[in-house]
N, C-alpha and C. Protein backbone atom coordinates (compact mmCIF):
# COMPACT_ATOMS: atom_id res chain seq x y z
N MET A 1 -0.41 -7.67 9.41
CA MET A 1 0.72 -6.91 8.93
C MET A 1 1.65 -6.59 10.10
N GLU A 2 2.93 -6.73 9.84
CA GLU A 2 3.93 -6.44 10.87
C GLU A 2 5.11 -5.72 10.23
N VAL A 3 5.53 -4.61 10.82
CA VAL A 3 6.72 -3.91 10.37
C VAL A 3 7.92 -4.62 10.97
N VAL A 4 8.82 -5.11 10.11
CA VAL A 4 9.97 -5.87 10.61
C VAL A 4 11.26 -5.06 10.64
N ALA A 5 11.31 -3.96 9.90
CA ALA A 5 12.52 -3.15 9.91
C ALA A 5 12.24 -1.80 9.26
N GLU A 6 13.16 -0.88 9.48
CA GLU A 6 13.09 0.44 8.88
C GLU A 6 14.50 0.81 8.42
N ALA A 7 14.61 1.33 7.21
CA ALA A 7 15.91 1.72 6.67
C ALA A 7 15.95 3.23 6.53
N TYR A 8 17.13 3.79 6.73
CA TYR A 8 17.29 5.24 6.65
C TYR A 8 17.95 5.68 5.36
N ASN A 9 18.36 4.72 4.54
CA ASN A 9 18.91 5.05 3.23
C ASN A 9 18.74 3.84 2.31
N GLY A 10 18.97 4.05 1.04
CA GLY A 10 18.75 3.00 0.05
C GLY A 10 19.65 1.79 0.23
N ARG A 11 20.90 2.01 0.57
CA ARG A 11 21.83 0.88 0.77
C ARG A 11 21.37 0.00 1.92
N GLU A 12 20.96 0.67 3.01
CA GLU A 12 20.49 -0.05 4.18
C GLU A 12 19.23 -0.85 3.82
N ALA A 13 18.35 -0.28 3.01
CA ALA A 13 17.14 -0.99 2.59
C ALA A 13 17.49 -2.26 1.83
N VAL A 14 18.44 -2.17 0.91
CA VAL A 14 18.86 -3.34 0.13
C VAL A 14 19.40 -4.43 1.06
N GLU A 15 20.24 -4.04 2.01
CA GLU A 15 20.83 -5.01 2.95
C GLU A 15 19.78 -5.64 3.85
N ILE A 16 18.86 -4.82 4.36
CA ILE A 16 17.80 -5.34 5.23
C ILE A 16 16.94 -6.35 4.49
N VAL A 17 16.59 -6.04 3.24
CA VAL A 17 15.77 -6.97 2.46
C VAL A 17 16.53 -8.26 2.19
N ARG A 18 17.82 -8.17 1.92
CA ARG A 18 18.63 -9.38 1.72
C ARG A 18 18.59 -10.28 2.95
N LYS A 19 18.70 -9.66 4.13
CA LYS A 19 18.76 -10.43 5.37
C LYS A 19 17.39 -10.94 5.81
N LEU A 20 16.38 -10.07 5.79
CA LEU A 20 15.08 -10.42 6.38
C LEU A 20 14.08 -11.01 5.39
N LYS A 21 14.29 -10.76 4.10
CA LYS A 21 13.40 -11.26 3.05
C LYS A 21 11.91 -10.99 3.36
N PRO A 22 11.54 -9.72 3.50
CA PRO A 22 10.14 -9.39 3.78
C PRO A 22 9.27 -9.63 2.54
N ASN A 23 7.98 -9.66 2.75
CA ASN A 23 7.04 -9.82 1.63
C ASN A 23 6.82 -8.50 0.89
N LEU A 24 6.90 -7.40 1.63
CA LEU A 24 6.60 -6.08 1.08
C LEU A 24 7.61 -5.06 1.57
N VAL A 25 7.99 -4.14 0.67
CA VAL A 25 8.86 -3.02 1.03
C VAL A 25 8.13 -1.74 0.65
N LEU A 26 7.97 -0.83 1.61
CA LEU A 26 7.50 0.52 1.31
C LEU A 26 8.76 1.33 1.05
N MET A 27 8.89 1.87 -0.14
CA MET A 27 10.15 2.50 -0.55
C MET A 27 9.93 3.95 -0.98
N ASP A 28 10.71 4.85 -0.41
CA ASP A 28 10.68 6.24 -0.84
C ASP A 28 11.54 6.37 -2.09
N VAL A 29 11.17 7.26 -2.97
CA VAL A 29 11.94 7.49 -4.19
C VAL A 29 13.25 8.21 -3.86
N SER A 30 13.17 9.19 -2.98
CA SER A 30 14.34 10.01 -2.65
C SER A 30 14.92 9.56 -1.32
N MET A 31 16.03 8.84 -1.40
CA MET A 31 16.72 8.36 -0.20
C MET A 31 18.20 8.65 -0.35
N PRO A 32 18.89 8.91 0.76
CA PRO A 32 20.33 9.14 0.67
C PRO A 32 21.09 7.85 0.38
N LYS A 33 22.32 7.99 -0.03
CA LYS A 33 23.29 6.93 -0.31
C LYS A 33 22.94 6.09 -1.53
N LEU A 34 21.69 5.74 -1.73
CA LEU A 34 21.25 5.02 -2.93
C LEU A 34 19.78 5.37 -3.07
N ASN A 35 19.39 6.03 -4.17
CA ASN A 35 18.01 6.47 -4.28
C ASN A 35 17.06 5.28 -4.36
N GLY A 36 15.78 5.54 -4.13
CA GLY A 36 14.79 4.48 -4.08
C GLY A 36 14.65 3.70 -5.37
N ILE A 37 14.87 4.35 -6.49
CA ILE A 37 14.75 3.68 -7.79
C ILE A 37 15.86 2.65 -7.95
N GLU A 38 17.09 3.06 -7.70
CA GLU A 38 18.22 2.13 -7.79
C GLU A 38 18.10 1.03 -6.73
N ALA A 39 17.67 1.39 -5.52
CA ALA A 39 17.50 0.39 -4.46
C ALA A 39 16.43 -0.63 -4.86
N ALA A 40 15.33 -0.15 -5.43
CA ALA A 40 14.27 -1.06 -5.87
C ALA A 40 14.79 -2.04 -6.93
N GLN A 41 15.58 -1.54 -7.87
CA GLN A 41 16.15 -2.42 -8.90
C GLN A 41 17.00 -3.52 -8.27
N GLN A 42 17.85 -3.14 -7.31
CA GLN A 42 18.71 -4.13 -6.66
C GLN A 42 17.90 -5.12 -5.83
N ILE A 43 16.87 -4.62 -5.14
CA ILE A 43 16.03 -5.50 -4.32
C ILE A 43 15.32 -6.52 -5.20
N ILE A 44 14.73 -6.08 -6.29
CA ILE A 44 14.00 -6.99 -7.19
C ILE A 44 14.97 -7.97 -7.86
N ARG A 45 16.15 -7.50 -8.22
CA ARG A 45 17.14 -8.39 -8.83
C ARG A 45 17.52 -9.52 -7.87
N ASP A 46 17.72 -9.16 -6.60
CA ASP A 46 18.13 -10.15 -5.60
C ASP A 46 16.96 -10.96 -5.03
N ASN A 47 15.77 -10.38 -5.00
CA ASN A 47 14.59 -11.00 -4.40
C ASN A 47 13.38 -10.78 -5.30
N PRO A 48 13.27 -11.51 -6.40
CA PRO A 48 12.22 -11.23 -7.38
C PRO A 48 10.79 -11.38 -6.85
N ASN A 49 10.61 -12.07 -5.73
CA ASN A 49 9.25 -12.26 -5.20
C ASN A 49 8.80 -11.17 -4.24
N VAL A 50 9.70 -10.29 -3.84
CA VAL A 50 9.32 -9.23 -2.91
C VAL A 50 8.48 -8.19 -3.65
N LYS A 51 7.50 -7.64 -2.98
CA LYS A 51 6.65 -6.59 -3.56
C LYS A 51 7.16 -5.24 -3.06
N ILE A 52 7.18 -4.27 -3.96
CA ILE A 52 7.60 -2.92 -3.58
C ILE A 52 6.46 -1.95 -3.87
N LEU A 53 6.14 -1.16 -2.86
CA LEU A 53 5.15 -0.10 -3.00
C LEU A 53 5.88 1.22 -2.74
N ALA A 54 5.92 2.07 -3.75
CA ALA A 54 6.58 3.37 -3.59
C ALA A 54 5.68 4.30 -2.80
N LEU A 55 6.27 4.95 -1.81
CA LEU A 55 5.57 5.92 -0.97
C LEU A 55 6.41 7.18 -1.03
N SER A 56 5.92 8.20 -1.74
CA SER A 56 6.79 9.33 -2.04
C SER A 56 6.06 10.66 -2.01
N ALA A 57 6.82 11.71 -1.84
CA ALA A 57 6.29 13.07 -1.93
C ALA A 57 6.29 13.55 -3.38
N TYR A 58 7.00 12.84 -4.26
CA TYR A 58 7.15 13.26 -5.65
C TYR A 58 6.04 12.69 -6.52
N CYS A 59 5.39 13.57 -7.29
CA CYS A 59 4.36 13.09 -8.21
C CYS A 59 4.75 13.35 -9.66
N ASP A 60 6.01 13.59 -9.92
CA ASP A 60 6.52 13.78 -11.27
C ASP A 60 6.47 12.46 -12.03
N LYS A 61 6.01 12.49 -13.25
CA LYS A 61 5.86 11.27 -14.07
C LYS A 61 7.17 10.50 -14.18
N ARG A 62 8.27 11.21 -14.24
CA ARG A 62 9.58 10.56 -14.36
C ARG A 62 9.84 9.63 -13.17
N PHE A 63 9.55 10.11 -11.96
CA PHE A 63 9.77 9.29 -10.77
C PHE A 63 8.83 8.08 -10.76
N VAL A 64 7.59 8.33 -11.13
CA VAL A 64 6.59 7.25 -11.14
C VAL A 64 7.01 6.16 -12.13
N THR A 65 7.29 6.54 -13.35
CA THR A 65 7.64 5.52 -14.35
C THR A 65 8.95 4.82 -14.02
N ASP A 66 9.92 5.57 -13.52
CA ASP A 66 11.19 4.93 -13.15
C ASP A 66 11.01 3.94 -12.02
N MET A 67 10.18 4.27 -11.03
CA MET A 67 9.93 3.34 -9.92
C MET A 67 9.20 2.09 -10.42
N LEU A 68 8.21 2.28 -11.28
CA LEU A 68 7.48 1.12 -11.81
C LEU A 68 8.39 0.26 -12.68
N LYS A 69 9.23 0.88 -13.49
CA LYS A 69 10.18 0.13 -14.32
C LYS A 69 11.20 -0.60 -13.45
N ALA A 70 11.52 -0.03 -12.29
CA ALA A 70 12.48 -0.66 -11.37
C ALA A 70 11.89 -1.89 -10.69
N GLY A 71 10.56 -2.02 -10.74
CA GLY A 71 9.94 -3.20 -10.16
C GLY A 71 8.87 -2.95 -9.13
N ALA A 72 8.58 -1.68 -8.83
CA ALA A 72 7.51 -1.39 -7.87
C ALA A 72 6.17 -1.78 -8.48
N SER A 73 5.27 -2.24 -7.64
CA SER A 73 3.93 -2.62 -8.09
C SER A 73 2.89 -1.56 -7.77
N GLY A 74 3.33 -0.49 -7.17
CA GLY A 74 2.40 0.58 -6.84
C GLY A 74 3.14 1.84 -6.46
N TYR A 75 2.40 2.95 -6.45
CA TYR A 75 2.99 4.25 -6.14
C TYR A 75 1.91 5.09 -5.49
N VAL A 76 2.15 5.49 -4.25
CA VAL A 76 1.22 6.37 -3.54
C VAL A 76 2.00 7.56 -2.98
N LEU A 77 1.29 8.65 -2.82
CA LEU A 77 1.91 9.86 -2.27
C LEU A 77 1.92 9.80 -0.75
N LYS A 78 2.88 10.47 -0.15
CA LYS A 78 3.04 10.43 1.31
C LYS A 78 1.85 11.03 2.06
N ASP A 79 1.09 11.90 1.41
CA ASP A 79 -0.05 12.50 2.09
C ASP A 79 -1.30 11.62 2.04
N VAL A 80 -1.14 10.39 1.61
CA VAL A 80 -2.25 9.46 1.48
C VAL A 80 -2.83 9.13 2.87
N LEU A 81 -4.14 8.93 2.92
CA LEU A 81 -4.78 8.53 4.18
C LEU A 81 -4.48 7.06 4.45
N SER A 82 -4.52 6.68 5.71
CA SER A 82 -4.17 5.30 6.08
C SER A 82 -5.06 4.27 5.39
N ASP A 83 -6.34 4.59 5.18
CA ASP A 83 -7.24 3.64 4.49
C ASP A 83 -6.75 3.35 3.08
N GLU A 84 -6.32 4.39 2.38
CA GLU A 84 -5.83 4.19 1.01
C GLU A 84 -4.51 3.43 1.01
N LEU A 85 -3.66 3.70 1.98
CA LEU A 85 -2.39 2.97 2.07
C LEU A 85 -2.66 1.48 2.28
N ILE A 86 -3.61 1.16 3.12
CA ILE A 86 -3.97 -0.25 3.35
C ILE A 86 -4.52 -0.87 2.08
N ARG A 87 -5.37 -0.14 1.34
CA ARG A 87 -5.87 -0.65 0.04
C ARG A 87 -4.73 -0.90 -0.93
N ALA A 88 -3.77 0.02 -0.96
CA ALA A 88 -2.62 -0.12 -1.86
C ALA A 88 -1.81 -1.36 -1.48
N ILE A 89 -1.56 -1.54 -0.20
CA ILE A 89 -0.79 -2.71 0.26
C ILE A 89 -1.52 -4.00 -0.11
N LYS A 90 -2.83 -4.04 0.13
CA LYS A 90 -3.61 -5.25 -0.20
C LYS A 90 -3.57 -5.54 -1.70
N ALA A 91 -3.69 -4.50 -2.52
CA ALA A 91 -3.66 -4.69 -3.98
C ALA A 91 -2.31 -5.24 -4.42
N VAL A 92 -1.24 -4.65 -3.93
CA VAL A 92 0.11 -5.08 -4.30
C VAL A 92 0.38 -6.50 -3.81
N MET A 93 -0.04 -6.81 -2.60
CA MET A 93 0.19 -8.14 -2.04
C MET A 93 -0.67 -9.21 -2.71
N SER A 94 -1.71 -8.79 -3.42
CA SER A 94 -2.55 -9.72 -4.19
C SER A 94 -2.09 -9.82 -5.63
N ASN A 95 -0.83 -9.47 -5.88
CA ASN A 95 -0.23 -9.48 -7.21
C ASN A 95 -0.87 -8.49 -8.17
N GLY A 96 -1.47 -7.45 -7.61
CA GLY A 96 -2.06 -6.40 -8.43
C GLY A 96 -1.17 -5.17 -8.47
N TRP A 97 -1.74 -4.11 -9.00
CA TRP A 97 -1.05 -2.83 -9.11
C TRP A 97 -1.87 -1.79 -8.38
N TYR A 98 -1.23 -0.72 -7.93
CA TYR A 98 -1.98 0.35 -7.29
C TYR A 98 -1.29 1.68 -7.55
N LEU A 99 -2.06 2.63 -8.03
CA LEU A 99 -1.59 4.01 -8.20
C LEU A 99 -2.61 4.91 -7.52
N SER A 100 -2.15 5.83 -6.67
CA SER A 100 -3.09 6.76 -6.06
C SER A 100 -3.69 7.62 -7.18
N ALA A 101 -4.84 8.24 -6.90
CA ALA A 101 -5.60 8.94 -7.94
C ALA A 101 -4.76 9.97 -8.69
N LYS A 102 -4.01 10.78 -7.97
CA LYS A 102 -3.20 11.82 -8.63
C LYS A 102 -2.14 11.19 -9.53
N ILE A 103 -1.53 10.11 -9.07
CA ILE A 103 -0.50 9.42 -9.85
C ILE A 103 -1.13 8.78 -11.08
N ALA A 104 -2.28 8.16 -10.92
CA ALA A 104 -2.97 7.54 -12.06
C ALA A 104 -3.28 8.60 -13.12
N GLY A 105 -3.69 9.79 -12.67
CA GLY A 105 -3.97 10.88 -13.61
C GLY A 105 -2.75 11.28 -14.41
N ILE A 106 -1.60 11.32 -13.77
CA ILE A 106 -0.35 11.67 -14.45
C ILE A 106 0.00 10.61 -15.49
N VAL A 107 -0.11 9.35 -15.12
CA VAL A 107 0.21 8.25 -16.04
C VAL A 107 -0.76 8.25 -17.22
N ILE A 108 -2.04 8.41 -16.96
CA ILE A 108 -3.05 8.41 -18.03
C ILE A 108 -2.84 9.61 -18.96
N ARG A 109 -2.56 10.77 -18.38
CA ARG A 109 -2.32 11.97 -19.21
C ARG A 109 -1.14 11.74 -20.16
N ASP A 110 -0.11 11.05 -19.68
CA ASP A 110 1.04 10.78 -20.54
C ASP A 110 0.69 9.79 -21.65
N ILE A 111 -0.20 8.86 -21.37
CA ILE A 111 -0.62 7.91 -22.40
C ILE A 111 -1.46 8.63 -23.46
N VAL A 112 -2.38 9.47 -22.99
CA VAL A 112 -3.28 10.18 -23.89
C VAL A 112 -2.55 11.29 -24.65
N GLN A 113 -1.63 11.98 -23.97
CA GLN A 113 -0.88 13.08 -24.57
C GLN A 113 0.61 12.80 -24.43
N PRO A 114 1.14 11.83 -25.17
CA PRO A 114 2.56 11.49 -25.02
C PRO A 114 3.47 12.67 -25.31
N GLY A 115 4.61 12.65 -24.65
CA GLY A 115 5.60 13.70 -24.88
C GLY A 115 5.23 15.02 -24.27
N THR A 116 4.41 14.99 -23.21
CA THR A 116 4.05 16.23 -22.53
C THR A 116 5.33 16.95 -22.11
N PRO A 117 5.47 18.22 -22.44
CA PRO A 117 6.71 18.93 -22.11
C PRO A 117 7.03 18.84 -20.63
N GLY A 118 8.33 18.65 -20.38
CA GLY A 118 8.79 18.67 -19.01
C GLY A 118 8.67 17.37 -18.25
N VAL A 119 8.14 16.33 -18.85
CA VAL A 119 8.02 15.09 -18.09
C VAL A 119 9.00 14.02 -18.53
N ASP A 120 9.50 14.07 -19.73
CA ASP A 120 10.48 13.08 -20.16
C ASP A 120 11.86 13.71 -20.14
N SER A 121 12.82 13.00 -19.57
CA SER A 121 14.18 13.53 -19.51
C SER A 121 15.17 12.41 -19.74
N PRO A 122 15.72 12.33 -20.94
CA PRO A 122 16.66 11.26 -21.25
C PRO A 122 18.09 11.56 -20.80
N ALA A 123 18.29 12.57 -19.96
CA ALA A 123 19.64 13.01 -19.60
C ALA A 123 20.52 11.90 -19.06
N LEU A 124 19.97 10.99 -18.29
CA LEU A 124 20.78 9.94 -17.67
C LEU A 124 20.69 8.60 -18.39
N ASP A 125 19.96 8.55 -19.49
CA ASP A 125 19.76 7.28 -20.20
C ASP A 125 21.06 6.61 -20.63
N GLY A 126 22.08 7.39 -20.93
CA GLY A 126 23.34 6.82 -21.40
C GLY A 126 24.25 6.31 -20.29
N LEU A 127 23.85 6.51 -19.04
CA LEU A 127 24.69 6.07 -17.92
C LEU A 127 24.32 4.65 -17.48
N THR A 128 25.33 3.90 -17.08
CA THR A 128 25.08 2.57 -16.52
C THR A 128 24.57 2.74 -15.09
N SER A 129 24.05 1.67 -14.50
CA SER A 129 23.56 1.76 -13.13
C SER A 129 24.70 2.09 -12.17
N LYS A 130 25.90 1.58 -12.44
CA LYS A 130 27.07 1.89 -11.60
C LYS A 130 27.41 3.38 -11.70
N GLU A 131 27.30 3.93 -12.90
CA GLU A 131 27.59 5.35 -13.09
C GLU A 131 26.53 6.22 -12.40
N ARG A 132 25.28 5.79 -12.45
CA ARG A 132 24.22 6.53 -11.75
C ARG A 132 24.47 6.52 -10.24
N GLU A 133 24.85 5.36 -9.75
CA GLU A 133 25.15 5.23 -8.32
C GLU A 133 26.30 6.15 -7.93
N LEU A 134 27.33 6.18 -8.74
CA LEU A 134 28.48 7.05 -8.48
C LEU A 134 28.07 8.51 -8.56
N LEU A 135 27.27 8.86 -9.56
CA LEU A 135 26.80 10.24 -9.70
C LEU A 135 26.04 10.67 -8.45
N GLN A 136 25.21 9.80 -7.92
CA GLN A 136 24.49 10.13 -6.69
C GLN A 136 25.46 10.41 -5.55
N MET A 137 26.46 9.56 -5.40
CA MET A 137 27.42 9.75 -4.31
C MET A 137 28.23 11.03 -4.49
N LEU A 138 28.62 11.33 -5.72
CA LEU A 138 29.34 12.58 -5.98
C LEU A 138 28.46 13.78 -5.63
N ALA A 139 27.19 13.70 -6.02
CA ALA A 139 26.26 14.79 -5.72
C ALA A 139 26.04 14.94 -4.22
N GLU A 140 26.20 13.85 -3.48
CA GLU A 140 26.06 13.89 -2.03
C GLU A 140 27.37 14.26 -1.34
N ASN A 141 28.32 14.77 -2.13
CA ASN A 141 29.58 15.33 -1.64
C ASN A 141 30.51 14.29 -1.03
N LYS A 142 30.43 13.06 -1.51
CA LYS A 142 31.35 12.03 -1.02
C LYS A 142 32.66 12.12 -1.81
N MET A 143 33.76 11.87 -1.13
CA MET A 143 35.08 11.92 -1.74
C MET A 143 35.38 10.58 -2.41
N SER A 144 36.30 10.59 -3.37
CA SER A 144 36.64 9.38 -4.13
C SER A 144 37.04 8.22 -3.23
N LYS A 145 37.81 8.50 -2.20
CA LYS A 145 38.27 7.45 -1.30
C LYS A 145 37.09 6.78 -0.58
N GLU A 146 36.15 7.61 -0.12
CA GLU A 146 34.96 7.08 0.57
C GLU A 146 34.09 6.27 -0.40
N ILE A 147 33.92 6.79 -1.61
CA ILE A 147 33.13 6.09 -2.62
C ILE A 147 33.77 4.75 -2.94
N ALA A 148 35.07 4.73 -3.10
CA ALA A 148 35.79 3.48 -3.40
C ALA A 148 35.56 2.45 -2.29
N ARG A 149 35.61 2.91 -1.04
CA ARG A 149 35.38 2.00 0.09
C ARG A 149 33.95 1.45 0.07
N ILE A 150 32.97 2.32 -0.17
CA ILE A 150 31.56 1.91 -0.18
C ILE A 150 31.29 0.92 -1.31
N LEU A 151 31.84 1.19 -2.49
CA LEU A 151 31.58 0.36 -3.68
C LEU A 151 32.53 -0.83 -3.81
N HIS A 152 33.52 -0.90 -2.91
CA HIS A 152 34.51 -1.99 -2.95
C HIS A 152 35.27 -2.01 -4.28
N VAL A 153 35.71 -0.81 -4.70
CA VAL A 153 36.52 -0.67 -5.90
C VAL A 153 37.71 0.23 -5.56
N SER A 154 38.62 0.38 -6.49
CA SER A 154 39.78 1.25 -6.25
C SER A 154 39.40 2.71 -6.53
N VAL A 155 40.21 3.61 -6.00
CA VAL A 155 40.02 5.03 -6.25
C VAL A 155 40.18 5.31 -7.75
N LYS A 156 41.10 4.58 -8.41
CA LYS A 156 41.28 4.75 -9.86
C LYS A 156 40.00 4.39 -10.62
N THR A 157 39.31 3.35 -10.17
CA THR A 157 38.04 2.97 -10.81
C THR A 157 37.01 4.07 -10.63
N VAL A 158 36.93 4.63 -9.43
CA VAL A 158 36.00 5.73 -9.16
C VAL A 158 36.32 6.90 -10.08
N ASP A 159 37.59 7.26 -10.18
CA ASP A 159 37.98 8.38 -11.03
C ASP A 159 37.70 8.11 -12.51
N ALA A 160 37.91 6.87 -12.94
CA ALA A 160 37.62 6.51 -14.34
C ALA A 160 36.12 6.61 -14.62
N ARG A 161 35.31 6.14 -13.68
CA ARG A 161 33.85 6.23 -13.86
C ARG A 161 33.40 7.69 -13.85
N ARG A 162 34.02 8.50 -12.99
CA ARG A 162 33.67 9.92 -12.95
C ARG A 162 33.97 10.57 -14.30
N ARG A 163 35.14 10.25 -14.87
CA ARG A 163 35.49 10.80 -16.20
C ARG A 163 34.49 10.33 -17.25
N SER A 164 34.08 9.08 -17.17
CA SER A 164 33.10 8.54 -18.11
C SER A 164 31.77 9.30 -18.00
N ILE A 165 31.35 9.55 -16.77
CA ILE A 165 30.09 10.28 -16.53
C ILE A 165 30.18 11.68 -17.11
N THR A 166 31.25 12.40 -16.78
CA THR A 166 31.37 13.78 -17.26
C THR A 166 31.47 13.83 -18.78
N SER A 167 32.12 12.83 -19.36
CA SER A 167 32.22 12.77 -20.82
C SER A 167 30.85 12.52 -21.45
N LYS A 168 30.12 11.55 -20.91
CA LYS A 168 28.80 11.22 -21.46
C LYS A 168 27.81 12.36 -21.31
N LEU A 169 27.89 13.08 -20.18
CA LEU A 169 26.92 14.14 -19.91
C LEU A 169 27.37 15.50 -20.42
N GLY A 170 28.65 15.62 -20.76
CA GLY A 170 29.16 16.91 -21.21
C GLY A 170 29.20 17.95 -20.09
N ILE A 171 29.36 17.46 -18.87
CA ILE A 171 29.41 18.33 -17.69
C ILE A 171 30.73 18.08 -16.98
N SER A 172 31.39 19.14 -16.55
CA SER A 172 32.68 18.90 -15.90
C SER A 172 32.69 19.26 -14.42
N GLY A 173 31.93 20.23 -14.00
CA GLY A 173 31.98 20.67 -12.61
C GLY A 173 31.07 19.87 -11.69
N ILE A 174 31.51 19.69 -10.45
CA ILE A 174 30.72 18.95 -9.47
C ILE A 174 29.40 19.66 -9.18
N ALA A 175 29.40 20.99 -9.22
CA ALA A 175 28.16 21.74 -8.97
C ALA A 175 27.11 21.40 -10.03
N ASP A 176 27.54 21.35 -11.30
CA ASP A 176 26.60 21.01 -12.38
C ASP A 176 26.15 19.55 -12.29
N LEU A 177 27.08 18.66 -11.91
CA LEU A 177 26.70 17.26 -11.72
C LEU A 177 25.67 17.13 -10.60
N THR A 178 25.88 17.88 -9.53
CA THR A 178 24.95 17.85 -8.39
C THR A 178 23.58 18.37 -8.80
N LYS A 179 23.55 19.48 -9.52
CA LYS A 179 22.27 20.03 -9.98
C LYS A 179 21.53 19.02 -10.85
N LEU A 180 22.25 18.37 -11.76
CA LEU A 180 21.65 17.37 -12.63
C LEU A 180 21.11 16.20 -11.80
N ALA A 181 21.89 15.72 -10.85
CA ALA A 181 21.46 14.59 -10.02
C ALA A 181 20.20 14.92 -9.24
N ILE A 182 20.09 16.14 -8.74
CA ILE A 182 18.89 16.56 -8.01
C ILE A 182 17.72 16.67 -8.97
N ARG A 183 17.93 17.32 -10.10
CA ARG A 183 16.87 17.50 -11.09
C ARG A 183 16.34 16.17 -11.59
N GLU A 184 17.22 15.18 -11.74
CA GLU A 184 16.83 13.87 -12.26
C GLU A 184 16.37 12.90 -11.17
N GLY A 185 16.35 13.36 -9.93
CA GLY A 185 15.83 12.53 -8.85
C GLY A 185 16.78 11.50 -8.29
N LEU A 186 18.07 11.59 -8.62
CA LEU A 186 19.03 10.65 -8.05
C LEU A 186 19.30 10.95 -6.59
N THR A 187 19.16 12.20 -6.21
CA THR A 187 19.37 12.60 -4.82
C THR A 187 18.50 13.83 -4.57
N SER A 188 18.52 14.28 -3.34
CA SER A 188 17.76 15.48 -2.99
C SER A 188 18.67 16.41 -2.21
N LEU A 189 18.14 17.52 -1.82
CA LEU A 189 18.92 18.46 -1.01
C LEU A 189 19.03 17.97 0.43
N GLU A 190 18.34 16.90 0.77
CA GLU A 190 18.28 16.42 2.15
C GLU A 190 19.20 15.25 2.42
N PHE A 191 20.26 15.06 1.65
CA PHE A 191 21.13 13.91 1.88
C PHE A 191 21.92 14.14 3.12
């Protein structure tokens, strides 16, 4: 095993994977600029053979299922011992799946007791991936001009998407959008 690169945000991770084409990506769920879930989707779309193992502090079922749906083959918590991390990497690299014990318990509990209160949140289901990406940037206090530059679109497009988001979510203030983005795991307070 060899570490070939390290990314400090989701966008950087996507670009590094495009350039270096590694076999495995250890991906955090909560990353600035582009969260780990959206980054994983883009990585798998561009590089379907790459394996993604989520390494996160979050054990909420929503994050786990979203990461797995995005294409991750495993999910372990950051407090995992190195032996377990190596087992997880080996399982994922052998075309298998790996969930740390606590994560497996959460997934199994949801199968056995579906609809457990507080674990399902359809709040962002109506948003496109572009709108989710924009919502994350807005929550990270980026201005329309900066967002337009990052996304390679016009400021008018950014403003139109922002109106679409606020209309779909029924939220108008940036503070409420930010709270929602944090609650739904699109960003964290550490951006």
